[in-house]
C-alpha atoms as a PDB file:
ATOM      1  CA  MET A   1      -7.931 -58.187   6.638  1.00  0.00           C
ATOM      2  CA  ASP A   2     -10.195 -58.467   9.166  1.00  0.00           C
ATOM      3  CA  ALA A   3      -9.486 -56.761  12.491  1.00  0.00           C
ATOM      4  CA  ARG A   4     -10.368 -59.897  14.671  1.00  0.00           C
ATOM      5  CA  PHE A   5      -7.660 -61.743  12.703  1.00  0.00           C
ATOM      6  CA  GLN A   6      -5.192 -58.924  13.156  1.00  0.00           C
ATOM      7  CA  GLU A   7      -5.991 -59.099  16.660  1.00  0.00           C
ATOM      8  CA  LEU A   8      -5.621 -62.650  17.107  1.00  0.00           C
ATOM      9  CA  LEU A   9      -2.319 -62.651  15.191  1.00  0.00           C
ATOM     10  CA  LEU A  10      -0.996 -59.886  17.299  1.00  0.00           C
ATOM     11  CA  LEU A  11      -1.667 -62.065  20.321  1.00  0.00           C
ATOM     12  CA  TYR A  12       0.028 -64.671  18.846  1.00  0.00           C
ATOM     13  CA  ALA A  13       3.220 -63.006  18.553  1.00  0.00           C
ATOM     14  CA  GLN A  14       2.822 -61.307  21.978  1.00  0.00           C
ATOM     15  CA  ALA A  15       1.945 -65.061  23.517  1.00  0.00           C
ATOM     16  CA  ASP A  16       4.783 -65.925  26.522  1.00  0.00           C
ATOM     17  CA  THR A  17       4.114 -69.820  26.350  1.00  0.00           C
ATOM     18  CA  SER A  18       3.646 -72.127  23.372  1.00  0.00           C
ATOM     19  CA  THR A  19       0.563 -73.365  25.254  1.00  0.00           C
ATOM     20  CA  ALA A  20      -0.679 -70.071  25.200  1.00  0.00           C
ATOM     21  CA  GLN A  21       0.048 -69.698  21.411  1.00  0.00           C
ATOM     22  CA  ASP A  22      -1.326 -73.100  20.637  1.00  0.00           C
ATOM     23  CA  GLU A  23      -4.689 -71.713  22.148  1.00  0.00           C
ATOM     24  CA  ILE A  24      -4.814 -68.406  19.862  1.00  0.00           C
ATOM     25  CA  GLU A  25      -4.281 -70.901  17.009  1.00  0.00           C
ATOM     26  CA  LYS A  26      -6.811 -72.569  17.549  1.00  0.00           C
ATOM     27  CA  THR A  27      -9.122 -69.869  17.997  1.00  0.00           C
ATOM     28  CA  LEU A  28      -8.446 -68.648  14.852  1.00  0.00           C
ATOM     29  CA  TRP A  29      -8.996 -71.888  12.827  1.00  0.00           C
ATOM     30  CA  ALA A  30     -12.053 -72.375  14.574  1.00  0.00           C
ATOM     31  CA  GLU A  31     -13.332 -68.776  13.862  1.00  0.00           C
ATOM     32  CA  PHE A  32     -11.703 -68.141  10.248  1.00  0.00           C
ATOM     33  CA  GLY A  33     -10.630 -71.861   8.961  1.00  0.00           C
ATOM     34  CA  THR A  34     -12.158 -74.045   6.427  1.00  0.00           C
ATOM     35  CA  THR A  35     -11.877 -76.902   4.023  1.00  0.00           C
ATOM     36  CA  LYS A  36     -11.573 -76.333   0.499  1.00  0.00           C
ATOM     37  CA  ALA A  37     -10.539 -76.893  -2.976  1.00  0.00           C
ATOM     38  CA  VAL A  38      -7.597 -74.520  -3.861  1.00  0.00           C
ATOM     39  CA  LEU A  39      -7.712 -73.374  -7.444  1.00  0.00           C
ATOM     40  CA  VAL A  40      -4.338 -71.424  -8.711  1.00  0.00           C
ATOM     41  CA  MET A  41      -4.040 -70.813 -12.337  1.00  0.00           C
ATOM     42  CA  ASP A  42      -0.710 -69.349 -13.994  1.00  0.00           C
ATOM     43  CA  MET A  43      -0.599 -67.381 -18.002  1.00  0.00           C
ATOM     44  CA  SER A  44       2.004 -68.926 -19.629  1.00  0.00           C
ATOM     45  CA  GLY A  45       5.148 -66.694 -21.397  1.00  0.00           C
ATOM     46  CA  PHE A  46       4.620 -63.382 -19.253  1.00  0.00           C
ATOM     47  CA  SER A  47       8.566 -62.795 -19.635  1.00  0.00           C
ATOM     48  CA  ARG A  48       8.422 -64.362 -23.245  1.00  0.00           C
ATOM     49  CA  LEU A  49       5.631 -61.787 -24.781  1.00  0.00           C
ATOM     50  CA  THR A  50       6.462 -58.781 -22.229  1.00  0.00           C
ATOM     51  CA  GLN A  51      10.018 -58.411 -23.841  1.00  0.00           C
ATOM     52  CA  LYS A  52       8.924 -59.016 -27.130  1.00  0.00           C
ATOM     53  CA  TYR A  53       5.561 -57.040 -27.317  1.00  0.00           C
ATOM     54  CA  GLY A  54       5.539 -54.763 -24.537  1.00  0.00           C
ATOM     55  CA  ILE A  55       3.411 -54.853 -21.092  1.00  0.00           C
ATOM     56  CA  VAL A  56       0.892 -52.915 -22.441  1.00  0.00           C
ATOM     57  CA  HIS A  57       0.258 -56.051 -24.670  1.00  0.00           C
ATOM     58  CA  TYR A  58       0.099 -58.510 -21.901  1.00  0.00           C
ATOM     59  CA  LEU A  59      -1.385 -56.403 -19.405  1.00  0.00           C
ATOM     60  CA  SER A  60      -4.497 -56.585 -22.228  1.00  0.00           C
ATOM     61  CA  MET A  61      -4.191 -60.222 -22.122  1.00  0.00           C
ATOM     62  CA  VAL A  62      -4.386 -60.421 -18.381  1.00  0.00           C
ATOM     63  CA  LEU A  63      -7.954 -58.645 -18.412  1.00  0.00           C
ATOM     64  CA  ARG A  64      -9.116 -61.098 -21.188  1.00  0.00           C
ATOM     65  CA  MET A  65      -7.989 -64.249 -18.976  1.00  0.00           C
ATOM     66  CA  GLN A  66      -9.932 -62.129 -15.825  1.00  0.00           C
ATOM     67  CA  LEU A  67     -12.790 -61.427 -17.846  1.00  0.00           C
ATOM     68  CA  THR A  68     -13.404 -65.059 -18.963  1.00  0.00           C
ATOM     69  CA  SER A  69     -11.951 -67.225 -15.581  1.00  0.00           C
ATOM     70  CA  GLN A  70     -14.273 -64.919 -13.423  1.00  0.00           C
ATOM     71  CA  PRO A  71     -18.027 -66.221 -14.475  1.00  0.00           C
ATOM     72  CA  ILE A  72     -16.780 -70.371 -15.166  1.00  0.00           C
ATOM     73  CA  ILE A  73     -15.848 -70.077 -11.844  1.00  0.00           C
ATOM     74  CA  GLN A  74     -18.625 -68.723 -10.368  1.00  0.00           C
ATOM     75  CA  ALA A  75     -20.295 -70.991 -12.723  1.00  0.00           C
ATOM     76  CA  LEU A  76     -19.500 -73.791 -10.948  1.00  0.00           C
ATOM     77  CA  GLY A  77     -19.833 -72.541  -7.370  1.00  0.00           C
ATOM     78  CA  GLY A  78     -16.244 -71.132  -6.800  1.00  0.00           C
ATOM     79  CA  LYS A  79     -14.855 -67.726  -5.767  1.00  0.00           C
ATOM     80  CA  VAL A  80     -12.285 -65.820  -7.199  1.00  0.00           C
ATOM     81  CA  ILE A  81     -10.412 -64.740  -3.756  1.00  0.00           C
ATOM     82  CA  LYS A  82      -8.076 -62.271  -5.993  1.00  0.00           C
ATOM     83  CA  PHE A  83      -6.584 -61.869  -9.160  1.00  0.00           C
ATOM     84  CA  GLU A  84      -2.670 -61.308  -9.036  1.00  0.00           C
ATOM     85  CA  ALA A  85      -0.414 -60.312 -12.001  1.00  0.00           C
ATOM     86  CA  ASP A  86      -1.381 -63.194 -14.058  1.00  0.00           C
ATOM     87  CA  ASN A  87      -2.344 -65.446 -12.064  1.00  0.00           C
ATOM     88  CA  CYS A  88      -5.817 -66.473 -10.345  1.00  0.00           C
ATOM     89  CA  PHE A  89      -6.764 -67.544  -6.967  1.00  0.00           C
ATOM     90  CA  ALA A  90      -9.832 -69.555  -6.417  1.00  0.00           C
ATOM     91  CA  MET A  91     -11.482 -71.738  -4.231  1.00  0.00           C
ATOM     92  CA  PHE A  92     -14.337 -74.323  -4.341  1.00  0.00           C
ATOM     93  CA  ASP A  93     -16.378 -76.761  -1.525  1.00  0.00           C
ATOM     94  CA  THR A  94     -14.939 -79.808  -3.779  1.00  0.00           C
ATOM     95  CA  VAL A  95     -12.413 -80.631  -5.934  1.00  0.00           C
ATOM     96  CA  LEU A  96     -14.958 -82.066  -8.577  1.00  0.00           C
ATOM     97  CA  SER A  97     -15.995 -78.872  -8.733  1.00  0.00           C
ATOM     98  CA  ALA A  98     -12.300 -76.941  -9.361  1.00  0.00           C
ATOM     99  CA  THR A  99     -11.377 -79.676 -11.652  1.00  0.00           C
ATOM    100  CA  GLU A 100     -14.259 -79.278 -14.129  1.00  0.00           C
ATOM    101  CA  ALA A 101     -13.556 -75.532 -13.798  1.00  0.00           C
ATOM    102  CA  ALA A 102     -10.116 -75.988 -14.602  1.00  0.00           C
ATOM    103  CA  ILE A 103     -11.126 -78.173 -17.608  1.00  0.00           C
ATOM    104  CA  ARG A 104     -13.695 -75.429 -18.854  1.00  0.00           C
ATOM    105  CA  LEU A 105     -11.499 -72.611 -18.235  1.00  0.00           C
ATOM    106  CA  ASN A 106      -8.723 -74.623 -20.885  1.00  0.00           C
ATOM    107  CA  THR A 107     -11.280 -75.705 -23.325  1.00  0.00           C
ATOM    108  CA  ALA A 108     -12.614 -72.160 -23.374  1.00  0.00           C
ATOM    109  CA  PHE A 109      -9.214 -70.248 -23.915  1.00  0.00           C
ATOM    110  CA  ASP A 110      -8.721 -73.125 -26.861  1.00  0.00           C
ATOM    111  CA  ALA A 111     -11.829 -71.672 -27.889  1.00  0.00           C
ATOM    112  CA  ILE A 112     -10.786 -68.145 -27.984  1.00  0.00           C
ATOM    113  CA  ASN A 113      -7.709 -68.548 -29.205  1.00  0.00           C
ATOM    114  CA  ARG A 114      -8.848 -69.673 -32.200  1.00  0.00           C
ATOM    115  CA  PHE A 115     -10.443 -66.291 -33.221  1.00  0.00           C
ATOM    116  CA  THR A 116      -6.954 -64.562 -32.160  1.00  0.00           C
ATOM    117  CA  GLU A 117      -3.807 -64.037 -33.805  1.00  0.00           C
ATOM    118  CA  ASP A 118      -0.822 -66.545 -32.025  1.00  0.00           C
ATOM    119  CA  ASN A 119       0.529 -63.363 -30.435  1.00  0.00           C
ATOM    120  CA  PHE A 120      -2.543 -62.762 -28.452  1.00  0.00           C
ATOM    121  CA  ASP A 121      -3.447 -66.467 -27.576  1.00  0.00           C
ATOM    122  CA  ILE A 122      -4.190 -67.454 -23.735  1.00  0.00           C
ATOM    123  CA  ARG A 123      -2.789 -70.065 -22.673  1.00  0.00           C
ATOM    124  CA  VAL A 124      -2.367 -71.414 -18.556  1.00  0.00           C
ATOM    125  CA  SER A 125      -1.524 -73.926 -16.206  1.00  0.00           C
ATOM    126  CA  ILE A 126      -3.681 -74.794 -13.158  1.00  0.00           C
ATOM    127  CA  GLY A 127      -2.670 -76.591  -9.790  1.00  0.00           C
ATOM    128  CA  ILE A 128      -5.363 -77.998  -7.484  1.00  0.00           C
ATOM    129  CA  ASP A 129      -4.864 -79.176  -4.004  1.00  0.00           C
ATOM    130  CA  TYR A 130      -7.880 -79.772  -0.685  1.00  0.00           C
ATOM    131  CA  GLY A 131      -7.433 -79.190   2.842  1.00  0.00           C
ATOM    132  CA  PRO A 132      -8.047 -76.645   5.245  1.00  0.00           C
ATOM    133  CA  VAL A 133      -7.062 -73.277   4.724  1.00  0.00           C
ATOM    134  CA  LEU A 134      -7.262 -69.803   7.067  1.00  0.00           C
ATOM    135  CA  LEU A 135      -9.512 -66.634   5.392  1.00  0.00           C
ATOM    136  CA  THR A 136      -8.789 -63.307   6.390  1.00  0.00           C
ATOM    137  CA  GLY A 137     -11.785 -61.816   6.232  1.00  0.00           C
ATOM    138  CA  GLY A 138     -10.391 -59.727   3.029  1.00  0.00           C
ATOM    139  CA  PRO A 139      -9.227 -60.625  -0.762  1.00  0.00           C
ATOM    140  CA  ASP A 140      -6.825 -63.233   0.789  1.00  0.00           C
ATOM    141  CA  PHE A 141      -6.337 -66.379   1.621  1.00  0.00           C
ATOM    142  CA  PHE A 142      -3.737 -69.056   3.767  1.00  0.00           C
ATOM    143  CA  GLY A 143      -2.489 -72.736   4.003  1.00  0.00           C
ATOM    144  CA  ASP A 144      -0.292 -75.271   2.886  1.00  0.00           C
ATOM    145  CA  VAL A 145      -3.015 -76.143   0.323  1.00  0.00           C
ATOM    146  CA  VAL A 146      -2.438 -72.465  -1.159  1.00  0.00           C
ATOM    147  CA  ASN A 147       0.869 -72.745  -1.365  1.00  0.00           C
ATOM    148  CA  THR A 148       1.133 -76.063  -2.541  1.00  0.00           C
ATOM    149  CA  ALA A 149      -1.282 -75.920  -5.447  1.00  0.00           C
ATOM    150  CA  SER A 150       0.129 -72.213  -6.652  1.00  0.00           C
ATOM    151  CA  LYS A 151       3.579 -74.347  -6.812  1.00  0.00           C
ATOM    152  CA  LEU A 152       1.820 -76.668  -8.991  1.00  0.00           C
ATOM    153  CA  GLY A 153       0.101 -74.115 -11.414  1.00  0.00           C
ATOM    154  CA  GLU A 154       3.092 -71.727 -11.697  1.00  0.00           C
ATOM    155  CA  ASP A 155       6.055 -73.697 -11.216  1.00  0.00           C
ATOM    156  CA  VAL A 156       5.522 -77.496 -12.366  1.00  0.00           C
ATOM    157  CA  ALA A 157       2.638 -77.668 -14.567  1.00  0.00           C
ATOM    158  CA  GLY A 158       2.763 -76.467 -18.643  1.00  0.00           C
ATOM    159  CA  PRO A 159       0.302 -74.621 -20.938  1.00  0.00           C
ATOM    160  CA  GLY A 160      -2.718 -76.513 -20.963  1.00  0.00           C
ATOM    161  CA  GLU A 161      -1.986 -78.907 -18.033  1.00  0.00           C
ATOM    162  CA  ILE A 162      -4.073 -79.215 -14.840  1.00  0.00           C
ATOM    163  CA  LEU A 163      -2.286 -81.109 -12.005  1.00  0.00           C
ATOM    164  CA  LEU A 164      -3.683 -81.979  -8.349  1.00  0.00           C
ATOM    165  CA  THR A 165      -1.946 -83.527  -5.526  1.00  0.00           C
ATOM    166  CA  THR A 166      -2.920 -86.990  -4.348  1.00  0.00           C
ATOM    167  CA  ARG A 167      -4.916 -85.829  -1.672  1.00  0.00           C
ATOM    168  CA  ALA A 168      -7.051 -83.230  -4.050  1.00  0.00           C
ATOM    169  CA  PHE A 169      -7.018 -86.216  -6.605  1.00  0.00           C
ATOM    170  CA  ARG A 170      -8.435 -88.584  -4.280  1.00  0.00           C
ATOM    171  CA  GLN A 171     -11.808 -86.623  -3.414  1.00  0.00           C
ATOM    172  CA  LEU A 172     -12.543 -87.269  -6.820  1.00  0.00           C
ATOM    173  CA  PRO A 173     -15.676 -89.532  -7.040  1.00  0.00           C
ATOM    174  CA  PRO A 174     -15.039 -92.830  -9.235  1.00  0.00           C
ATOM    175  CA  GLU A 175     -17.721 -92.314 -11.310  1.00  0.00           C
ATOM    176  CA  ALA A 176     -16.828 -88.956 -12.692  1.00  0.00           C
ATOM    177  CA  GLY A 177     -14.213 -90.897 -14.672  1.00  0.00           C
ATOM    178  CA  TYR A 178     -11.035 -89.126 -14.650  1.00  0.00           C
ATOM    179  CA  THR A 179      -7.860 -90.632 -14.612  1.00  0.00           C
ATOM    180  CA  GLY A 180      -4.342 -88.466 -13.897  1.00  0.00           C
ATOM    181  CA  LYS A 181      -0.660 -90.031 -14.756  1.00  0.00           C
ATOM    182  CA  THR A 182       1.388 -89.281 -11.110  1.00  0.00           C
ATOM    183  CA  LEU A 183       4.341 -87.431 -11.003  1.00  0.00           C
ATOM    184  CA  THR A 184       6.507 -86.677  -7.919  1.00  0.00           C
ATOM    185  CA  PRO A 185       7.889 -83.002  -8.563  1.00  0.00           C
ATOM    186  CA  LEU A 186      10.233 -81.073  -5.858  1.00  0.00           C
ATOM    187  CA  LEU A 187       8.355 -78.104  -3.952  1.00  0.00           C
ATOM    188  CA  SER A 188      10.220 -76.093  -2.255  1.00  0.00           C
ATOM    189  CA  GLY A 189      12.498 -79.197  -1.593  1.00  0.00           C
ATOM    190  CA  VAL A 190      10.471 -81.643  -0.828  1.00  0.00           C
ATOM    191  CA  ARG A 191       8.995 -84.223  -3.051  1.00  0.00           C
ATOM    192  CA  ILE A 192       5.250 -84.555  -3.257  1.00  0.00           C
ATOM    193  CA  GLU A 193       3.049 -86.811  -4.849  1.00  0.00           C
ATOM    194  CA  ALA A 194       0.387 -85.597  -7.762  1.00  0.00           C
ATOM    195  CA  TYR A 195      -1.345 -86.551 -10.569  1.00  0.00           C
ATOM    196  CA  ALA A 196      -1.780 -84.762 -14.278  1.00  0.00           C
ATOM    197  CA  LEU A 197      -5.266 -85.031 -15.063  1.00  0.00           C
ATOM    198  CA  GLU A 198      -6.315 -86.939 -17.838  1.00  0.00           C
ATOM    199  CA  TYR A 199      -9.881 -86.858 -18.680  1.00  0.00           C
ATOM    200  CA  THR A 200     -12.518 -89.604 -20.732  1.00  0.00           C
ATOM    201  CA  ARG A 201     -13.973 -87.994 -24.016  1.00  0.00           C
ATOM    202  CA  GLN A 202     -17.605 -88.043 -22.405  1.00  0.00           C
ATOM    203  CA  ALA A 203     -15.861 -85.212 -19.888  1.00  0.00           C
ATOM    204  CA  ARG A 204     -14.597 -82.944 -22.946  1.00  0.00           C
ATOM    205  CA  ARG A 205     -17.703 -82.939 -24.205  1.00  0.00           C
ATOM    206  CA  ALA A 206     -19.405 -81.816 -21.159  1.00  0.00           C
ATOM    207  CA  SER A 207     -17.289 -79.443 -20.648  1.00  0.00           C
ATOM    208  CA  SER A 208     -18.004 -78.293 -24.032  1.00  0.00           C
ATOM    209  CA  ALA A 209     -21.266 -78.024 -23.726  1.00  0.00           C
ATOM    210  CA  SER A 210     -21.385 -76.613 -20.422  1.00  0.00           C
ATOM    211  CA  ASP A 211     -19.299 -73.515 -21.875  1.00  0.00           C
ATOM    212  CA  SER A 212     -21.227 -73.311 -25.271  1.00  0.00           C
ATOM    213  CA  SER A 213     -24.515 -72.907 -22.728  1.00  0.00           C
ATOM    214  CA  LEU A 214     -22.378 -70.198 -20.811  1.00  0.00           C
ATOM    215  CA  ALA A 215     -21.618 -68.156 -23.695  1.00  0.00           C
ATOM    216  CA  GLN A 216     -25.782 -68.059 -25.053  1.00  0.00           C
END
């Protein structure tokens, strides 16, 4: 974590008035805040696979997930903030880039799974949100959008699903041709509006073609 970031957090905790806290918070957001599309991806079946095959088996799958994910995310202009256990946290400048990365990730894992035994198949669930985040200057970021994307990707989405909050989904340009099925999951006691992504055959073909070019 950046030393300046830590300094401001300590000053906030020591401030004796709400006005002083508000000013410090404004400074934090001015110096470390940005607006991004956040993608959180979770591997499915951790408990089941670990219990059945052992932790080494699953860790080998986690490594393959990481090695596959990083170049796909970077190719779409994204940045992997961190890999945490079997999760991937990434951010993008636009929701469109995050969505296209999510599709490519699913496409890539589907392709890889055709060449592995079932017990080595990688299946992921993905959540996407868009809004303000705080970058700490280190391998982490914070904000409501990080929490929401994480909840959607880890707790709500099923294998192969890509879920976007309504505010994220509305950032997709109409010409991209994406549609979604509405849902209202309960996240930490609060119901939010979200979309389960549905995309056209043209988008699937474009994603597959891009994956092929990346593999060459």
